Amino acid sequence: MSGSEIVVIVLLALIVLGPEKLPEAIRRFGRVYGELKRMSNGFQSEFRNAFDEPMREFRETAQLTKDAVMRPMNEVRNTVEEAGRAFDEAAKSAPDEAAGSPTEAGSTSEDGREPT
């Protein structure tokens, strides 16, 4: 409500109630308004408390589920990465097969026969 609306309401109350009853009516309105505000705050507090515990449990369950799913995935990823590193190391340390070995197909022994 704007200031002008409040002034109109107070003037109407002054006309209807008169100058003797208006101060008591304003005090009574203030008490009722304060009580309504306290009840509203209490209701909001109770509402928050009622939903706080289930929401906390929901978040904990969601986190546990996420952890349960991510842990095996992380283990698989780590295993794959380790296997890749081991493969790379083995490839670096293996002899160069392009140079050829004496047992390759097409090679012959000293007497001209193919090896058995």
PDB file of N, CA and C in Angstrom:
ATOM      1  N   MET A   1       0.845  -1.174   0.000  1.00  0.00           N
ATOM      2  CA  MET A   1       0.000   0.000   0.000  1.00  0.00           C
ATOM      3  C   MET A   1       0.887   1.233   0.000  1.00  0.00           C
ATOM      4  N   SER A   2       0.449   2.227  -0.730  1.00  0.00           N
ATOM      5  CA  SER A   2       1.219   3.468  -0.795  1.00  0.00           C
ATOM      6  C   SER A   2       0.789   4.397   0.346  1.00  0.00           C
ATOM      7  N   GLY A   3       1.524   5.458   0.503  1.00  0.00           N
ATOM      8  CA  GLY A   3       1.249   6.415   1.576  1.00  0.00           C
ATOM      9  C   GLY A   3      -0.116   7.070   1.443  1.00  0.00           C
ATOM     10  N   SER A   4      -0.511   7.384   0.203  1.00  0.00           N
ATOM     11  CA  SER A   4      -1.804   8.054   0.016  1.00  0.00           C
ATOM     12  C   SER A   4      -2.960   7.119   0.374  1.00  0.00           C
ATOM     13  N   GLU A   5      -2.836   5.821   0.101  1.00  0.00           N
ATOM     14  CA  GLU A   5      -3.893   4.873   0.458  1.00  0.00           C
ATOM     15  C   GLU A   5      -4.033   4.762   1.968  1.00  0.00           C
ATOM     16  N   ILE A   6      -2.908   4.773   2.671  1.00  0.00           N
ATOM     17  CA  ILE A   6      -2.952   4.706   4.136  1.00  0.00           C
ATOM     18  C   ILE A   6      -3.632   5.947   4.703  1.00  0.00           C
ATOM     19  N   VAL A   7      -3.330   7.105   4.134  1.00  0.00           N
ATOM     20  CA  VAL A   7      -3.950   8.352   4.604  1.00  0.00           C
ATOM     21  C   VAL A   7      -5.456   8.283   4.404  1.00  0.00           C
ATOM     22  N   VAL A   8      -5.918   7.797   3.258  1.00  0.00           N
ATOM     23  CA  VAL A   8      -7.355   7.686   2.990  1.00  0.00           C
ATOM     24  C   VAL A   8      -8.006   6.736   4.004  1.00  0.00           C
ATOM     25  N   ILE A   9      -7.362   5.608   4.287  1.00  0.00           N
ATOM     26  CA  ILE A   9      -7.917   4.640   5.244  1.00  0.00           C
ATOM     27  C   ILE A   9      -8.001   5.252   6.646  1.00  0.00           C
ATOM     28  N   VAL A  10      -6.952   5.983   7.059  1.00  0.00           N
ATOM     29  CA  VAL A  10      -6.958   6.615   8.393  1.00  0.00           C
ATOM     30  C   VAL A  10      -8.056   7.679   8.467  1.00  0.00           C
ATOM     31  N   LEU A  11      -8.228   8.465   7.407  1.00  0.00           N
ATOM     32  CA  LEU A  11      -9.281   9.475   7.406  1.00  0.00           C
ATOM     33  C   LEU A  11     -10.666   8.832   7.491  1.00  0.00           C
ATOM     34  N   LEU A  12     -10.886   7.750   6.741  1.00  0.00           N
ATOM     35  CA  LEU A  12     -12.174   7.050   6.815  1.00  0.00           C
ATOM     36  C   LEU A  12     -12.404   6.472   8.214  1.00  0.00           C
ATOM     37  N   ALA A  13     -11.324   5.906   8.806  1.00  0.00           N
ATOM     38  CA  ALA A  13     -11.446   5.370  10.164  1.00  0.00           C
ATOM     39  C   ALA A  13     -11.751   6.478  11.147  1.00  0.00           C
ATOM     40  N   LEU A  14     -11.153   7.664  10.963  1.00  0.00           N
ATOM     41  CA  LEU A  14     -11.410   8.805  11.841  1.00  0.00           C
ATOM     42  C   LEU A  14     -12.869   9.233  11.742  1.00  0.00           C
ATOM     43  N   ILE A  15     -13.398   9.236  10.515  1.00  0.00           N
ATOM     44  CA  ILE A  15     -14.789   9.638  10.322  1.00  0.00           C
ATOM     45  C   ILE A  15     -15.733   8.587  10.929  1.00  0.00           C
ATOM     46  N   VAL A  16     -15.441   7.311  10.693  1.00  0.00           N
ATOM     47  CA  VAL A  16     -16.341   6.249  11.158  1.00  0.00           C
ATOM     48  C   VAL A  16     -16.249   6.061  12.671  1.00  0.00           C
ATOM     49  N   LEU A  17     -15.023   5.985  13.205  1.00  0.00           N
ATOM     50  CA  LEU A  17     -14.850   5.680  14.627  1.00  0.00           C
ATOM     51  C   LEU A  17     -14.875   6.929  15.516  1.00  0.00           C
ATOM     52  N   GLY A  18     -14.459   8.022  14.970  1.00  0.00           N
ATOM     53  CA  GLY A  18     -14.379   9.237  15.773  1.00  0.00           C
ATOM     54  C   GLY A  18     -13.019   9.348  16.436  1.00  0.00           C
ATOM     55  N   PRO A  19     -12.695  10.556  16.911  1.00  0.00           N
ATOM     56  CA  PRO A  19     -11.363  10.771  17.484  1.00  0.00           C
ATOM     57  C   PRO A  19     -11.136  10.046  18.812  1.00  0.00           C
ATOM     58  N   GLU A  20     -12.206   9.670  19.533  1.00  0.00           N
ATOM     59  CA  GLU A  20     -12.018   9.003  20.814  1.00  0.00           C
ATOM     60  C   GLU A  20     -11.651   7.527  20.644  1.00  0.00           C
ATOM     61  N   LYS A  21     -12.258   6.856  19.690  1.00  0.00           N
ATOM     62  CA  LYS A  21     -12.047   5.419  19.523  1.00  0.00           C
ATOM     63  C   LYS A  21     -10.908   5.084  18.559  1.00  0.00           C
ATOM     64  N   LEU A  22     -10.465   6.031  17.763  1.00  0.00           N
ATOM     65  CA  LEU A  22      -9.435   5.751  16.746  1.00  0.00           C
ATOM     66  C   LEU A  22      -8.111   5.285  17.351  1.00  0.00           C
ATOM     67  N   PRO A  23      -7.548   5.945  18.401  1.00  0.00           N
ATOM     68  CA  PRO A  23      -6.264   5.458  18.947  1.00  0.00           C
ATOM     69  C   PRO A  23      -6.346   4.010  19.445  1.00  0.00           C
ATOM     70  N   GLU A  24      -7.448   3.673  20.118  1.00  0.00           N
ATOM     71  CA  GLU A  24      -7.601   2.286  20.606  1.00  0.00           C
ATOM     72  C   GLU A  24      -7.725   1.319  19.433  1.00  0.00           C
ATOM     73  N   ALA A  25      -8.428   1.701  18.384  1.00  0.00           N
ATOM     74  CA  ALA A  25      -8.574   0.841  17.206  1.00  0.00           C
ATOM     75  C   ALA A  25      -7.215   0.625  16.525  1.00  0.00           C
ATOM     76  N   ILE A  26      -6.396   1.666  16.455  1.00  0.00           N
ATOM     77  CA  ILE A  26      -5.059   1.537  15.838  1.00  0.00           C
ATOM     78  C   ILE A  26      -4.200   0.599  16.678  1.00  0.00           C
ATOM     79  N   ARG A  27      -4.259   0.729  18.015  1.00  0.00           N
ATOM     80  CA  ARG A  27      -3.493  -0.177  18.887  1.00  0.00           C
ATOM     81  C   ARG A  27      -3.949  -1.621  18.706  1.00  0.00           C
ATOM     82  N   ARG A  28      -5.249  -1.820  18.671  1.00  0.00           N
ATOM     83  CA  ARG A  28      -5.792  -3.169  18.488  1.00  0.00           C
ATOM     84  C   ARG A  28      -5.359  -3.734  17.134  1.00  0.00           C
ATOM     85  N   PHE A  29      -5.412  -2.915  16.098  1.00  0.00           N
ATOM     86  CA  PHE A  29      -4.965  -3.350  14.771  1.00  0.00           C
ATOM     87  C   PHE A  29      -3.481  -3.728  14.807  1.00  0.00           C
ATOM     88  N   GLY A  30      -2.673  -2.934  15.501  1.00  0.00           N
ATOM     89  CA  GLY A  30      -1.239  -3.230  15.617  1.00  0.00           C
ATOM     90  C   GLY A  30      -0.989  -4.559  16.310  1.00  0.00           C
ATOM     91  N   ARG A  31      -1.759  -4.824  17.381  1.00  0.00           N
ATOM     92  CA  ARG A  31      -1.599  -6.101  18.093  1.00  0.00           C
ATOM     93  C   ARG A  31      -2.009  -7.278  17.211  1.00  0.00           C
ATOM     94  N   VAL A  32      -3.126  -7.130  16.526  1.00  0.00           N
ATOM     95  CA  VAL A  32      -3.596  -8.209  15.648  1.00  0.00           C
ATOM     96  C   VAL A  32      -2.596  -8.439  14.525  1.00  0.00           C
ATOM     97  N   TYR A  33      -2.099  -7.354  13.966  1.00  0.00           N
ATOM     98  CA  TYR A  33      -1.113  -7.468  12.879  1.00  0.00           C
ATOM     99  C   TYR A  33       0.153  -8.162  13.391  1.00  0.00           C
ATOM    100  N   GLY A  34       0.634  -7.787  14.575  1.00  0.00           N
ATOM    101  CA  GLY A  34       1.822  -8.420  15.155  1.00  0.00           C
ATOM    102  C   GLY A  34       1.606  -9.903  15.403  1.00  0.00           C
ATOM    103  N   GLU A  35       0.412 -10.240  15.925  1.00  0.00           N
ATOM    104  CA  GLU A  35       0.105 -11.645  16.178  1.00  0.00           C
ATOM    105  C   GLU A  35       0.052 -12.438  14.872  1.00  0.00           C
ATOM    106  N   LEU A  36      -0.568 -11.876  13.854  1.00  0.00           N
ATOM    107  CA  LEU A  36      -0.606 -12.542  12.546  1.00  0.00           C
ATOM    108  C   LEU A  36       0.799 -12.744  11.982  1.00  0.00           C
ATOM    109  N   LYS A  37       1.647 -11.748  12.162  1.00  0.00           N
ATOM    110  CA  LYS A  37       3.019 -11.846  11.666  1.00  0.00           C
ATOM    111  C   LYS A  37       3.775 -12.952  12.413  1.00  0.00           C
ATOM    112  N   ARG A  38       3.615 -13.036  13.741  1.00  0.00           N
ATOM    113  CA  ARG A  38       4.271 -14.092  14.522  1.00  0.00           C
ATOM    114  C   ARG A  38       3.765 -15.475  14.099  1.00  0.00           C
ATOM    115  N   MET A  39       2.452 -15.583  13.891  1.00  0.00           N
ATOM    116  CA  MET A  39       1.899 -16.860  13.451  1.00  0.00           C
ATOM    117  C   MET A  39       2.443 -17.243  12.079  1.00  0.00           C
ATOM    118  N   SER A  40       2.541 -16.259  11.205  1.00  0.00           N
ATOM    119  CA  SER A  40       3.070 -16.517   9.868  1.00  0.00           C
ATOM    120  C   SER A  40       4.528 -16.981   9.942  1.00  0.00           C
ATOM    121  N   ASN A  41       5.321 -16.303  10.761  1.00  0.00           N
ATOM    122  CA  ASN A  41       6.731 -16.702  10.916  1.00  0.00           C
ATOM    123  C   ASN A  41       6.833 -18.100  11.520  1.00  0.00           C
ATOM    124  N   GLY A  42       5.967 -18.394  12.505  1.00  0.00           N
ATOM    125  CA  GLY A  42       5.952 -19.729  13.099  1.00  0.00           C
ATOM    126  C   GLY A  42       5.584 -20.798  12.090  1.00  0.00           C
ATOM    127  N   PHE A  43       4.589 -20.498  11.258  1.00  0.00           N
ATOM    128  CA  PHE A  43       4.176 -21.442  10.221  1.00  0.00           C
ATOM    129  C   PHE A  43       5.311 -21.689   9.234  1.00  0.00           C
ATOM    130  N   GLN A  44       5.969 -20.618   8.813  1.00  0.00           N
ATOM    131  CA  GLN A  44       7.090 -20.768   7.879  1.00  0.00           C
ATOM    132  C   GLN A  44       8.205 -21.603   8.493  1.00  0.00           C
ATOM    133  N   SER A  45       8.486 -21.358   9.762  1.00  0.00           N
ATOM    134  CA  SER A  45       9.528 -22.109  10.459  1.00  0.00           C
ATOM    135  C   SER A  45       9.162 -23.588  10.539  1.00  0.00           C
ATOM    136  N   GLU A  46       7.922 -23.884  10.919  1.00  0.00           N
ATOM    137  CA  GLU A  46       7.471 -25.278  10.998  1.00  0.00           C
ATOM    138  C   GLU A  46       7.526 -25.941   9.627  1.00  0.00           C
ATOM    139  N   PHE A  47       7.121 -25.222   8.601  1.00  0.00           N
ATOM    140  CA  PHE A  47       7.137 -25.750   7.240  1.00  0.00           C
ATOM    141  C   PHE A  47       8.563 -26.089   6.824  1.00  0.00           C
ATOM    142  N   ARG A  48       9.510 -25.181   7.074  1.00  0.00           N
ATOM    143  CA  ARG A  48      10.917 -25.439   6.747  1.00  0.00           C
ATOM    144  C   ARG A  48      11.440 -26.654   7.501  1.00  0.00           C
ATOM    145  N   ASN A  49      11.138 -26.717   8.798  1.00  0.00           N
ATOM    146  CA  ASN A  49      11.609 -27.844   9.609  1.00  0.00           C
ATOM    147  C   ASN A  49      11.017 -29.164   9.125  1.00  0.00           C
ATOM    148  N   ALA A  50       9.754 -29.139   8.704  1.00  0.00           N
ATOM    149  CA  ALA A  50       9.106 -30.358   8.237  1.00  0.00           C
ATOM    150  C   ALA A  50       9.760 -30.886   6.962  1.00  0.00           C
ATOM    151  N   PHE A  51      10.212 -30.004   6.097  1.00  0.00           N
ATOM    152  CA  PHE A  51      10.811 -30.431   4.836  1.00  0.00           C
ATOM    153  C   PHE A  51      12.329 -30.524   4.896  1.00  0.00           C
ATOM    154  N   ASP A  52      12.934 -30.013   5.939  1.00  0.00           N
ATOM    155  CA  ASP A  52      14.393 -30.037   6.058  1.00  0.00           C
ATOM    156  C   ASP A  52      14.930 -31.457   6.141  1.00  0.00           C
ATOM    157  N   GLU A  53      14.378 -32.266   7.018  1.00  0.00           N
ATOM    158  CA  GLU A  53      14.886 -33.630   7.228  1.00  0.00           C
ATOM    159  C   GLU A  53      14.737 -34.496   5.978  1.00  0.00           C
ATOM    160  N   PRO A  54      13.559 -34.543   5.340  1.00  0.00           N
ATOM    161  CA  PRO A  54      13.464 -35.352   4.115  1.00  0.00           C
ATOM    162  C   PRO A  54      14.395 -34.855   3.008  1.00  0.00           C
ATOM    163  N   MET A  55      14.547 -33.552   2.893  1.00  0.00           N
ATOM    164  CA  MET A  55      15.453 -33.027   1.852  1.00  0.00           C
ATOM    165  C   MET A  55      16.896 -33.394   2.163  1.00  0.00           C
ATOM    166  N   ARG A  56      17.279 -33.349   3.424  1.00  0.00           N
ATOM    167  CA  ARG A  56      18.645 -33.726   3.816  1.00  0.00           C
ATOM    168  C   ARG A  56      18.875 -35.204   3.490  1.00  0.00           C
ATOM    169  N   GLU A  57      17.888 -36.055   3.825  1.00  0.00           N
ATOM    170  CA  GLU A  57      18.009 -37.475   3.514  1.00  0.00           C
ATOM    171  C   GLU A  57      18.075 -37.704   2.005  1.00  0.00           C
ATOM    172  N   PHE A  58      17.286 -36.952   1.248  1.00  0.00           N
ATOM    173  CA  PHE A  58      17.303 -37.080  -0.211  1.00  0.00           C
ATOM    174  C   PHE A  58      18.680 -36.711  -0.765  1.00  0.00           C
ATOM    175  N   ARG A  59      19.253 -35.612  -0.271  1.00  0.00           N
ATOM    176  CA  ARG A  59      20.584 -35.200  -0.741  1.00  0.00           C
ATOM    177  C   ARG A  59      21.640 -36.249  -0.388  1.00  0.00           C
ATOM    178  N   GLU A  60      21.562 -36.808   0.830  1.00  0.00           N
ATOM    179  CA  GLU A  60      22.525 -37.836   1.226  1.00  0.00           C
ATOM    180  C   GLU A  60      22.391 -39.075   0.348  1.00  0.00           C
ATOM    181  N   THR A  61      21.154 -39.483   0.067  1.00  0.00           N
ATOM    182  CA  THR A  61      20.926 -40.644  -0.794  1.00  0.00           C
ATOM    183  C   THR A  61      21.445 -40.384  -2.198  1.00  0.00           C
ATOM    184  N   ALA A  62      21.201 -39.189  -2.703  1.00  0.00           N
ATOM    185  CA  ALA A  62      21.691 -38.840  -4.038  1.00  0.00           C
ATOM    186  C   ALA A  62      23.212 -38.868  -4.069  1.00  0.00           C
ATOM    187  N   GLN A  63      23.855 -38.366  -3.032  1.00  0.00           N
ATOM    188  CA  GLN A  63      25.321 -38.369  -2.985  1.00  0.00           C
ATOM    189  C   GLN A  63      25.859 -39.793  -2.902  1.00  0.00           C
ATOM    190  N   LEU A  64      25.233 -40.640  -2.072  1.00  0.00           N
ATOM    191  CA  LEU A  64      25.662 -42.037  -1.968  1.00  0.00           C
ATOM    192  C   LEU A  64      25.498 -42.758  -3.303  1.00  0.00           C
ATOM    193  N   THR A  65      24.390 -42.490  -3.998  1.00  0.00           N
ATOM    194  CA  THR A  65      24.161 -43.105  -5.306  1.00  0.00           C
ATOM    195  C   THR A  65      25.210 -42.645  -6.295  1.00  0.00           C
ATOM    196  N   LYS A  66      25.494 -41.365  -6.292  1.00  0.00           N
ATOM    197  CA  LYS A  66      26.510 -40.819  -7.197  1.00  0.00           C
ATOM    198  C   LYS A  66      27.869 -41.453  -6.909  1.00  0.00           C
ATOM    199  N   ASP A  67      28.218 -41.558  -5.633  1.00  0.00           N
ATOM    200  CA  ASP A  67      29.490 -42.172  -5.258  1.00  0.00           C
ATOM    201  C   ASP A  67      29.536 -43.634  -5.686  1.00  0.00           C
ATOM    202  N   ALA A  68      28.422 -44.354  -5.490  1.00  0.00           N
ATOM    203  CA  ALA A  68      28.379 -45.766  -5.851  1.00  0.00           C
ATOM    204  C   ALA A  68      28.530 -45.969  -7.354  1.00  0.00           C
ATOM    205  N   VAL A  69      28.034 -45.043  -8.140  1.00  0.00           N
ATOM    206  CA  VAL A  69      28.148 -45.148  -9.599  1.00  0.00           C
ATOM    207  C   VAL A  69      29.528 -44.686 -10.066  1.00  0.00           C
ATOM    208  N   MET A  70      30.017 -43.622  -9.475  1.00  0.00           N
ATOM    209  CA  MET A  70      31.269 -43.038  -9.955  1.00  0.00           C
ATOM    210  C   MET A  70      32.493 -43.850  -9.533  1.00  0.00           C
ATOM    211  N   ARG A  71      32.462 -44.510  -8.384  1.00  0.00           N
ATOM    212  CA  ARG A  71      33.628 -45.255  -7.907  1.00  0.00           C
ATOM    213  C   ARG A  71      34.036 -46.339  -8.904  1.00  0.00           C
ATOM    214  N   PRO A  72      33.115 -47.229  -9.348  1.00  0.00           N
ATOM    215  CA  PRO A  72      33.528 -48.232 -10.337  1.00  0.00           C
ATOM    216  C   PRO A  72      33.961 -47.604 -11.659  1.00  0.00           C
ATOM    217  N   MET A  73      33.301 -46.525 -12.048  1.00  0.00           N
ATOM    218  CA  MET A  73      33.687 -45.864 -13.300  1.00  0.00           C
ATOM    219  C   MET A  73      35.101 -45.302 -13.196  1.00  0.00           C
ATOM    220  N   ASN A  74      35.438 -44.724 -12.058  1.00  0.00           N
ATOM    221  CA  ASN A  74      36.789 -44.196 -11.860  1.00  0.00           C
ATOM    222  C   ASN A  74      37.808 -45.328 -11.838  1.00  0.00           C
ATOM    223  N   GLU A  75      37.441 -46.460 -11.218  1.00  0.00           N
ATOM    224  CA  GLU A  75      38.353 -47.597 -11.192  1.00  0.00           C
ATOM    225  C   GLU A  75      38.590 -48.126 -12.595  1.00  0.00           C
ATOM    226  N   VAL A  76      37.540 -48.220 -13.403  1.00  0.00           N
ATOM    227  CA  VAL A  76      37.693 -48.674 -14.794  1.00  0.00           C
ATOM    228  C   VAL A  76      38.561 -47.694 -15.567  1.00  0.00           C
ATOM    229  N   ARG A  77      38.310 -46.413 -15.393  1.00  0.00           N
ATOM    230  CA  ARG A  77      39.110 -45.408 -16.099  1.00  0.00           C
ATOM    231  C   ARG A  77      40.581 -45.522 -15.702  1.00  0.00           C
ATOM    232  N   ASN A  78      40.843 -45.679 -14.410  1.00  0.00           N
ATOM    233  CA  ASN A  78      42.227 -45.809 -13.953  1.00  0.00           C
ATOM    234  C   ASN A  78      42.869 -47.069 -14.515  1.00  0.00           C
ATOM    235  N   THR A  79      42.136 -48.183 -14.560  1.00  0.00           N
ATOM    236  CA  THR A  79      42.659 -49.427 -15.108  1.00  0.00           C
ATOM    237  C   THR A  79      42.978 -49.270 -16.585  1.00  0.00           C
ATOM    238  N   VAL A  80      42.094 -48.615 -17.319  1.00  0.00           N
ATOM    239  CA  VAL A  80      42.327 -48.394 -18.746  1.00  0.00           C
ATOM    240  C   VAL A  80      43.540 -47.495 -18.951  1.00  0.00           C
ATOM    241  N   GLU A  81      43.657 -46.452 -18.145  1.00  0.00           N
ATOM    242  CA  GLU A  81      44.817 -45.563 -18.271  1.00  0.00           C
ATOM    243  C   GLU A  81      46.109 -46.299 -17.954  1.00  0.00           C
ATOM    244  N   GLU A  82      46.093 -47.144 -16.906  1.00  0.00           N
ATOM    245  CA  GLU A  82      47.285 -47.918 -16.558  1.00  0.00           C
ATOM    246  C   GLU A  82      47.644 -48.892 -17.672  1.00  0.00           C
ATOM    247  N   ALA A  83      46.637 -49.546 -18.245  1.00  0.00           N
ATOM    248  CA  ALA A  83      46.887 -50.475 -19.344  1.00  0.00           C
ATOM    249  C   ALA A  83      47.465 -49.734 -20.543  1.00  0.00           C
ATOM    250  N   GLY A  84      46.958 -48.546 -20.812  1.00  0.00           N
ATOM    251  CA  GLY A  84      47.484 -47.739 -21.915  1.00  0.00           C
ATOM    252  C   GLY A  84      48.936 -47.357 -21.679  1.00  0.00           C
ATOM    253  N   ARG A  85      49.254 -46.962 -20.445  1.00  0.00           N
ATOM    254  CA  ARG A  85      50.647 -46.612 -20.133  1.00  0.00           C
ATOM    255  C   ARG A  85      51.550 -47.838 -20.254  1.00  0.00           C
ATOM    256  N   ALA A  86      51.066 -48.987 -19.765  1.00  0.00           N
ATOM    257  CA  ALA A  86      51.856 -50.219 -19.863  1.00  0.00           C
ATOM    258  C   ALA A  86      52.067 -50.598 -21.321  1.00  0.00           C
ATOM    259  N   PHE A  87      51.039 -50.449 -22.138  1.00  0.00           N
ATOM    260  CA  PHE A  87      51.164 -50.743 -23.565  1.00  0.00           C
ATOM    261  C   PHE A  87      52.179 -49.813 -24.216  1.00  0.00           C
ATOM    262  N   ASP A  88      52.106 -48.531 -23.891  1.00  0.00           N
ATOM    263  CA  ASP A  88      53.062 -47.564 -24.453  1.00  0.00           C
ATOM    264  C   ASP A  88      54.491 -47.902 -24.043  1.00  0.00           C
ATOM    265  N   GLU A  89      54.671 -48.260 -22.773  1.00  0.00           N
ATOM    266  CA  GLU A  89      56.008 -48.632 -22.294  1.00  0.00           C
ATOM    267  C   GLU A  89      56.504 -49.889 -23.007  1.00  0.00           C
ATOM    268  N   ALA A  90      55.631 -50.877 -23.173  1.00  0.00           N
ATOM    269  CA  ALA A  90      56.015 -52.116 -23.848  1.00  0.00           C
ATOM    270  C   ALA A  90      56.364 -51.837 -25.302  1.00  0.00           C
ATOM    271  N   ALA A  91      55.627 -50.939 -25.938  1.00  0.00           N
ATOM    272  CA  ALA A  91      55.897 -50.609 -27.341  1.00  0.00           C
ATOM    273  C   ALA A  91      57.240 -49.896 -27.475  1.00  0.00           C
ATOM    274  N   LYS A  92      57.590 -49.073 -26.510  1.00  0.00           N
ATOM    275  CA  LYS A  92      58.868 -48.353 -26.563  1.00  0.00           C
ATOM    276  C   LYS A  92      60.046 -49.290 -26.327  1.00  0.00           C
ATOM    277  N   SER A  93      59.870 -50.271 -25.440  1.00  0.00           N
ATOM    278  CA  SER A  93      60.988 -51.145 -25.086  1.00  0.00           C
ATOM    279  C   SER A  93      61.084 -52.380 -25.968  1.00  0.00           C
ATOM    280  N   ALA A  94      60.097 -52.687 -26.803  1.00  0.00           N
ATOM    281  CA  ALA A  94      60.120 -53.867 -27.666  1.00  0.00           C
ATOM    282  C   ALA A  94      61.131 -53.654 -28.789  1.00  0.00           C
ATOM    283  N   PRO A  95      61.811 -54.744 -29.269  1.00  0.00           N
ATOM    284  CA  PRO A  95      62.749 -54.597 -30.393  1.00  0.00           C
ATOM    285  C   PRO A  95      62.002 -54.200 -31.652  1.00  0.00           C
ATOM    286  N   ASP A  96      62.702 -53.514 -32.503  1.00  0.00           N
ATOM    287  CA  ASP A  96      62.091 -53.029 -33.735  1.00  0.00           C
ATOM    288  C   ASP A  96      61.878 -54.205 -34.677  1.00  0.00           C
ATOM    289  N   GLU A  97      60.625 -54.566 -34.936  1.00  0.00           N
ATOM    290  CA  GLU A  97      60.295 -55.717 -35.760  1.00  0.00           C
ATOM    291  C   GLU A  97      60.502 -55.424 -37.236  1.00  0.00           C
ATOM    292  N   ALA A  98      60.627 -54.174 -37.619  1.00  0.00           N
ATOM    293  CA  ALA A  98      60.804 -53.836 -39.026  1.00  0.00           C
ATOM    294  C   ALA A  98      62.190 -54.241 -39.527  1.00  0.00           C
ATOM    295  N   ALA A  99      63.171 -54.355 -38.652  1.00  0.00           N
ATOM    296  CA  ALA A  99      64.529 -54.732 -39.072  1.00  0.00           C
ATOM    297  C   ALA A  99      64.569 -56.181 -39.497  1.00  0.00           C
ATOM    298  N   GLY A 100      63.646 -56.970 -39.030  1.00  0.00           N
ATOM    299  CA  GLY A 100      63.578 -58.381 -39.428  1.00  0.00           C
ATOM    300  C   GLY A 100      64.410 -59.265 -38.534  1.00  0.00           C
ATOM    301  N   SER A 101      64.007 -60.524 -38.460  1.00  0.00           N
ATOM    302  CA  SER A 101      64.750 -61.501 -37.682  1.00  0.00           C
ATOM    303  C   SER A 101      65.071 -62.682 -38.579  1.00  0.00           C
ATOM    304  N   PRO A 102      66.035 -63.515 -38.238  1.00  0.00           N
ATOM    305  CA  PRO A 102      66.415 -64.618 -39.108  1.00  0.00           C
ATOM    306  C   PRO A 102      65.332 -65.658 -39.283  1.00  0.00           C
ATOM    307  N   THR A 103      64.321 -65.672 -38.485  1.00  0.00           N
ATOM    308  CA  THR A 103      63.276 -66.687 -38.619  1.00  0.00           C
ATOM    309  C   THR A 103      62.082 -66.177 -39.402  1.00  0.00           C
ATOM    310  N   GLU A 104      62.182 -65.025 -40.005  1.00  0.00           N
ATOM    311  CA  GLU A 104      61.053 -64.510 -40.763  1.00  0.00           C
ATOM    312  C   GLU A 104      60.819 -65.337 -42.011  1.00  0.00           C
ATOM    313  N   ALA A 105      59.571 -65.339 -42.447  1.00  0.00           N
ATOM    314  CA  ALA A 105      59.233 -66.071 -43.663  1.00  0.00           C
ATOM    315  C   ALA A 105      60.016 -65.492 -44.825  1.00  0.00           C
ATOM    316  N   GLY A 106      60.492 -66.374 -45.712  1.00  0.00           N
ATOM    317  CA  GLY A 106      61.254 -65.920 -46.871  1.00  0.00           C
ATOM    318  C   GLY A 106      62.748 -65.949 -46.632  1.00  0.00           C
ATOM    319  N   SER A 107      63.207 -66.137 -45.427  1.00  0.00           N
ATOM    320  CA  SER A 107      64.642 -66.216 -45.192  1.00  0.00           C
ATOM    321  C   SER A 107      65.085 -67.666 -45.359  1.00  0.00           C
ATOM    322  N   THR A 108      66.311 -67.829 -45.690  1.00  0.00           N
ATOM    323  CA  THR A 108      66.839 -69.182 -45.905  1.00  0.00           C
ATOM    324  C   THR A 108      68.023 -69.400 -45.005  1.00  0.00           C
ATOM    325  N   SER A 109      68.335 -70.689 -44.789  1.00  0.00           N
ATOM    326  CA  SER A 109      69.490 -71.019 -43.980  1.00  0.00           C
ATOM    327  C   SER A 109      70.732 -70.977 -44.860  1.00  0.00           C
ATOM    328  N   GLU A 110      71.896 -71.283 -44.308  1.00  0.00           N
ATOM    329  CA  GLU A 110      73.155 -71.207 -45.026  1.00  0.00           C
ATOM    330  C   GLU A 110      73.201 -72.168 -46.207  1.00  0.00           C
ATOM    331  N   ASP A 111      72.559 -73.289 -46.110  1.00  0.00           N
ATOM    332  CA  ASP A 111      72.612 -74.263 -47.215  1.00  0.00           C
ATOM    333  C   ASP A 111      71.513 -74.040 -48.229  1.00  0.00           C
ATOM    334  N   GLY A 112      70.730 -72.957 -48.097  1.00  0.00           N
ATOM    335  CA  GLY A 112      69.732 -72.597 -49.098  1.00  0.00           C
ATOM    336  C   GLY A 112      68.369 -73.167 -48.823  1.00  0.00           C
ATOM    337  N   ARG A 113      68.250 -73.933 -47.770  1.00  0.00           N
ATOM    338  CA  ARG A 113      66.939 -74.481 -47.442  1.00  0.00           C
ATOM    339  C   ARG A 113      66.208 -73.554 -46.505  1.00  0.00           C
ATOM    340  N   GLU A 114      64.890 -73.592 -46.569  1.00  0.00           N
ATOM    341  CA  GLU A 114      64.118 -72.780 -45.664  1.00  0.00           C
ATOM    342  C   GLU A 114      64.155 -73.415 -44.288  1.00  0.00           C
ATOM    343  N   PRO A 115      64.199 -72.588 -43.257  1.00  0.00           N
ATOM    344  CA  PRO A 115      64.233 -73.145 -41.904  1.00  0.00           C
ATOM    345  C   PRO A 115      62.923 -73.836 -41.552  1.00  0.00           C
ATOM    346  N   THR A 116      63.026 -74.780 -40.712  1.00  0.00           N
ATOM    347  CA  THR A 116      61.828 -75.528 -40.297  1.00  0.00           C
ATOM    348  C   THR A 116      61.313 -75.061 -38.988  1.00  0.00           C
TER     349      THR A 116
END
